[in-house]
Amino acid sequence: MREYENINAGKVFLNRWYGKYSPQLTLVSKEALDDEMIQKYAIKFDPAAVGIEFDGSVNSIYSGDFRINAKGTKIFELSLDGKDMLISLGWGGCFNSTRGEHNIKEECAKYIYCASSNGGGMGRTFFVLSRDYRQEISDDDI
């Protein structure tokens, strides 16, 4: 279960999503979030269809808009009409050889954060990508 610190800011809620296996983002929404409420913003997306390869399993993908405010806080405003997507990739664990490797170029992602256990056993990698993202492969990459 995820833990959100829900702060009522008038017309919107600031839902701080921080912790050991969290993306270290503030989610902005029209209601206080919990595990059930955030599912309203889940979208279908096939990473393989656009050339993205992950070592692990995609746990969730949410639609919204990413920005960094003047204080440097990373914000993801949940919206089904958003231009960005927040992808959660789970990997590792007991008797699991995945390590969250991916072929996304860091300069193409708006945000990448890897949250792992101190022993390196399991973790999550979070990505914010444009919804029209396509993995471009050049001759040098082959």
Protein backbone atom coordinates (compact mmCIF):
# COMPACT_ATOMS: atom_id res chain seq x y z
CA MET A 1 0.00 0.00 0.00
CA ARG A 2 1.29 3.45 -0.89
CA GLU A 3 1.40 6.25 1.60
CA TYR A 4 0.42 9.73 0.44
CA GLU A 5 0.56 12.87 2.53
CA ASN A 6 -2.60 14.62 1.32
CA ILE A 7 -2.60 18.41 1.76
CA ASN A 8 -5.76 20.37 0.91
CA ALA A 9 -4.58 23.47 -0.96
CA GLY A 10 -8.01 24.91 -1.75
CA LYS A 11 -9.06 23.90 -5.26
CA VAL A 12 -6.52 21.07 -5.47
CA PHE A 13 -4.80 18.52 -3.24
CA LEU A 14 -1.05 18.23 -2.98
CA ASN A 15 -0.32 14.55 -2.51
CA ARG A 16 3.29 14.10 -1.45
CA TRP A 17 4.49 10.66 -2.60
CA TYR A 18 7.78 10.22 -0.80
CA GLY A 19 9.36 7.21 0.88
CA LYS A 20 11.77 4.34 0.30
CA TYR A 21 10.13 2.87 -2.83
CA SER A 22 8.38 6.05 -4.00
CA PRO A 23 9.14 8.46 -6.86
CA GLN A 24 9.86 11.49 -4.63
CA LEU A 25 7.18 13.55 -6.40
CA THR A 26 4.25 15.71 -5.39
CA LEU A 27 1.10 14.61 -7.20
CA VAL A 28 -1.50 17.33 -7.77
CA SER A 29 -5.13 16.19 -8.04
CA LYS A 30 -8.68 17.40 -7.54
CA GLU A 31 -9.18 14.94 -4.64
CA ALA A 32 -7.15 13.36 -1.84
CA LEU A 33 -5.40 10.28 -3.19
CA ASP A 34 -5.37 6.71 -2.00
CA ASP A 35 -4.61 3.47 -3.87
CA GLU A 36 -8.14 3.27 -5.28
CA MET A 37 -8.53 6.95 -6.26
CA ILE A 38 -5.25 7.15 -8.23
CA GLN A 39 -6.47 4.34 -10.52
CA LYS A 40 -8.76 6.89 -12.21
CA TYR A 41 -5.62 8.25 -13.89
CA ALA A 42 -4.17 4.89 -14.97
CA ILE A 43 -3.71 4.52 -18.72
CA LYS A 44 -2.91 1.69 -21.10
CA PHE A 45 0.48 1.90 -22.75
CA ASP A 46 2.56 -0.77 -24.46
CA PRO A 47 6.26 0.11 -23.99
CA ALA A 48 7.38 -2.50 -26.54
CA ALA A 49 5.22 -0.88 -29.24
CA VAL A 50 7.38 2.26 -29.10
CA GLY A 51 10.74 0.50 -28.72
CA ILE A 52 11.12 0.65 -24.93
CA GLU A 53 12.65 -2.38 -23.23
CA PHE A 54 12.52 -2.91 -19.45
CA ASP A 55 14.12 -5.50 -17.20
CA GLY A 56 11.32 -5.85 -14.66
CA SER A 57 7.56 -5.43 -14.71
CA VAL A 58 5.51 -2.31 -15.29
CA ASN A 59 3.41 -1.80 -12.15
CA SER A 60 1.43 1.25 -13.21
CA ILE A 61 1.25 4.09 -15.71
CA TYR A 62 -0.52 7.37 -14.90
CA SER A 63 -1.43 10.30 -17.16
CA GLY A 64 -0.70 13.92 -16.26
CA ASP A 65 1.65 16.86 -16.70
CA PHE A 66 5.15 17.08 -15.21
CA ARG A 67 6.86 20.29 -14.13
CA ILE A 68 9.38 21.60 -11.64
CA ASN A 69 8.23 24.61 -9.61
CA ALA A 70 10.33 27.65 -8.66
CA LYS A 71 11.50 25.95 -5.43
CA GLY A 72 12.67 22.89 -7.36
CA THR A 73 9.84 20.57 -6.28
CA LYS A 74 9.08 17.95 -8.89
CA ILE A 75 5.33 17.96 -9.57
CA PHE A 76 3.15 15.57 -11.54
CA GLU A 77 -0.38 16.93 -12.01
CA LEU A 78 -2.75 14.02 -12.64
CA SER A 79 -5.00 14.49 -15.68
CA LEU A 80 -6.41 12.08 -18.25
CA ASP A 81 -5.70 14.77 -20.88
CA GLY A 82 -2.09 15.19 -19.72
CA LYS A 83 0.85 15.29 -22.11
CA ASP A 84 3.07 13.09 -19.92
CA MET A 85 2.98 9.68 -18.29
CA LEU A 86 4.45 8.47 -15.00
CA ILE A 87 5.66 4.87 -15.32
CA SER A 88 6.47 2.67 -12.31
CA LEU A 89 8.78 -0.28 -13.03
CA GLY A 90 9.19 -2.92 -10.32
CA TRP A 91 12.24 -5.17 -10.28
CA GLY A 92 14.36 -7.49 -8.17
CA GLY A 93 13.52 -9.28 -4.99
CA CYS A 94 14.16 -12.71 -3.57
CA PHE A 95 15.14 -15.18 -6.31
CA ASN A 96 14.51 -12.57 -9.03
CA SER A 97 17.36 -11.59 -11.35
CA THR A 98 15.80 -8.39 -12.77
CA ARG A 99 17.59 -5.13 -11.92
CA GLY A 100 15.45 -2.45 -13.57
CA GLU A 101 17.62 -1.98 -16.63
CA HIS A 102 16.08 -0.06 -19.51
CA ASN A 103 16.96 1.43 -22.87
CA ILE A 104 15.50 4.90 -22.23
CA LYS A 105 18.07 7.62 -22.85
CA GLU A 106 18.27 9.94 -19.84
CA GLU A 107 18.27 13.05 -22.03
CA CYS A 108 14.91 11.93 -23.52
CA ALA A 109 13.14 11.41 -20.18
CA LYS A 110 11.71 14.31 -18.21
CA TYR A 111 12.39 12.51 -14.92
CA ILE A 112 14.03 9.24 -13.86
CA TYR A 113 14.31 8.10 -10.25
CA CYS A 114 15.54 4.72 -9.03
CA ALA A 115 14.45 3.65 -5.53
CA SER A 116 16.15 0.49 -4.29
CA SER A 117 16.77 -1.39 -1.08
CA ASN A 118 20.04 -0.82 0.73
CA GLY A 119 21.11 -4.36 -0.08
CA GLY A 120 20.27 -3.89 -3.75
CA GLY A 121 17.73 -6.71 -3.74
CA MET A 122 14.58 -5.03 -4.98
CA GLY A 123 13.46 -1.66 -6.15
CA ARG A 124 11.38 0.53 -8.41
CA THR A 125 12.39 2.84 -11.20
CA PHE A 126 10.08 5.73 -12.05
CA PHE A 127 10.05 7.49 -15.40
CA VAL A 128 8.19 10.54 -16.67
CA LEU A 129 7.97 10.45 -20.44
CA SER A 130 5.96 12.37 -23.00
CA ARG A 131 2.85 10.42 -24.04
CA ASP A 132 4.02 10.57 -27.65
CA TYR A 133 7.48 9.24 -26.73
CA ARG A 134 9.17 6.96 -29.26
CA GLN A 135 12.50 5.27 -28.66
CA GLU A 136 14.78 6.31 -31.49
CA ILE A 137 17.65 3.97 -32.27
CA SER A 138 20.55 5.20 -34.35
CA ASP A 139 23.11 3.15 -36.28
CA ASP A 140 25.63 3.86 -33.48
CA ASP A 141 23.34 2.21 -30.92
CA ILE A 142 23.26 -1.08 -32.82
